[in-house]
Amino acid sequence: MGGMSLFHWLLVGVVVLILFGGKGKISDIMGDVAKGVKAFKKGLADDDTPAKPAETPRTIEHQATTPVDASRDVNKAG
């Protein structure tokens, strides 16, 4: 009930060979994942250079306008 038969060990061996050995697509994918992890770690190590300080944002100055004289209203009948 709790023991592993010869068939179970063969099945485990085949799964391990498919995942980690040979020249199959899965082993290539796992190799690519390992290369990606190495590149990521290298990228983190190379990011020690200080960043340039950001420029201060420019603002638009608001100019106050004088109120329009009511006697110059062109819509006024008169």
Protein backbone atom coordinates (compact mmCIF):
# COMPACT_ATOMS: atom_id res chain seq x y z
CA MET A 1 0.00 0.00 0.00
CA GLY A 2 2.74 2.50 0.87
CA GLY A 3 5.55 0.97 -1.17
CA MET A 4 6.74 2.00 -4.57
CA SER A 5 6.72 -0.70 -7.20
CA LEU A 6 9.07 -0.99 -10.15
CA PHE A 7 6.44 0.63 -12.39
CA HIS A 8 6.25 3.69 -10.11
CA TRP A 9 10.04 4.11 -10.11
CA LEU A 10 10.14 3.83 -13.91
CA LEU A 11 7.41 6.45 -14.19
CA VAL A 12 9.29 8.80 -11.86
CA GLY A 13 12.48 8.24 -13.85
CA VAL A 14 10.77 9.05 -17.15
CA VAL A 15 9.28 12.27 -15.72
CA VAL A 16 12.69 13.33 -14.37
CA LEU A 17 14.33 12.62 -17.73
CA ILE A 18 11.70 14.60 -19.58
CA LEU A 19 11.98 17.60 -17.26
CA PHE A 20 15.73 17.75 -16.63
CA GLY A 21 17.54 15.60 -19.15
CA GLY A 22 17.84 15.00 -22.81
CA LYS A 23 17.46 17.60 -25.51
CA GLY A 24 13.72 18.10 -25.29
CA LYS A 25 11.74 21.32 -25.38
CA ILE A 26 11.10 21.30 -21.64
CA SER A 27 14.81 21.13 -20.79
CA ASP A 28 15.45 24.02 -23.20
CA ILE A 29 12.71 26.04 -21.53
CA MET A 30 14.18 25.35 -18.09
CA GLY A 31 17.62 26.42 -19.37
CA ASP A 32 16.12 29.64 -20.70
CA VAL A 33 14.49 30.28 -17.34
CA ALA A 34 17.86 29.85 -15.62
CA LYS A 35 19.47 32.29 -18.06
CA GLY A 36 16.68 34.78 -17.38
CA VAL A 37 17.20 34.54 -13.62
CA LYS A 38 20.95 35.09 -14.05
CA ALA A 39 20.34 38.11 -16.29
CA PHE A 40 17.87 39.53 -13.76
CA LYS A 41 20.36 39.17 -10.91
CA LYS A 42 23.07 40.78 -13.03
CA GLY A 43 20.74 43.66 -13.85
CA LEU A 44 20.05 44.24 -10.18
CA ALA A 45 23.77 44.27 -9.40
CA ASP A 46 24.54 46.73 -12.22
CA ASP A 47 21.89 49.22 -11.05
CA ASP A 48 24.19 50.87 -8.50
CA THR A 49 24.73 54.06 -10.55
CA PRO A 50 22.92 57.10 -9.13
CA ALA A 51 20.07 58.46 -11.16
CA LYS A 52 20.13 62.01 -12.53
CA PRO A 53 18.14 64.47 -10.44
CA ALA A 54 14.83 65.35 -12.01
CA GLU A 55 14.33 68.87 -13.32
CA THR A 56 12.01 71.11 -11.37
CA PRO A 57 8.64 71.39 -13.07
CA ARG A 58 7.96 74.63 -14.86
CA THR A 59 4.92 76.66 -13.90
CA ILE A 60 2.88 79.11 -15.89
CA GLU A 61 2.53 82.48 -14.23
CA HIS A 62 -1.01 83.80 -14.06
CA GLN A 63 -1.40 87.45 -14.97
CA ALA A 64 -4.23 89.32 -13.32
CA THR A 65 -6.58 91.14 -15.70
CA THR A 66 -8.55 94.27 -14.96
CA PRO A 67 -12.35 94.04 -14.95
CA VAL A 68 -14.15 95.29 -18.06
CA ASP A 69 -15.80 98.71 -17.73
CA ALA A 70 -19.61 98.29 -17.71
CA SER A 71 -20.11 101.53 -19.70
CA ARG A 72 -18.29 99.99 -22.67
CA ASP A 73 -20.68 97.02 -22.91
CA VAL A 74 -21.62 96.63 -26.59
CA ASN A 75 -24.74 94.60 -25.84
CA LYS A 76 -26.17 97.43 -23.76
CA ALA A 77 -29.03 99.23 -25.51
CA GLY A 78 -28.74 102.96 -25.43
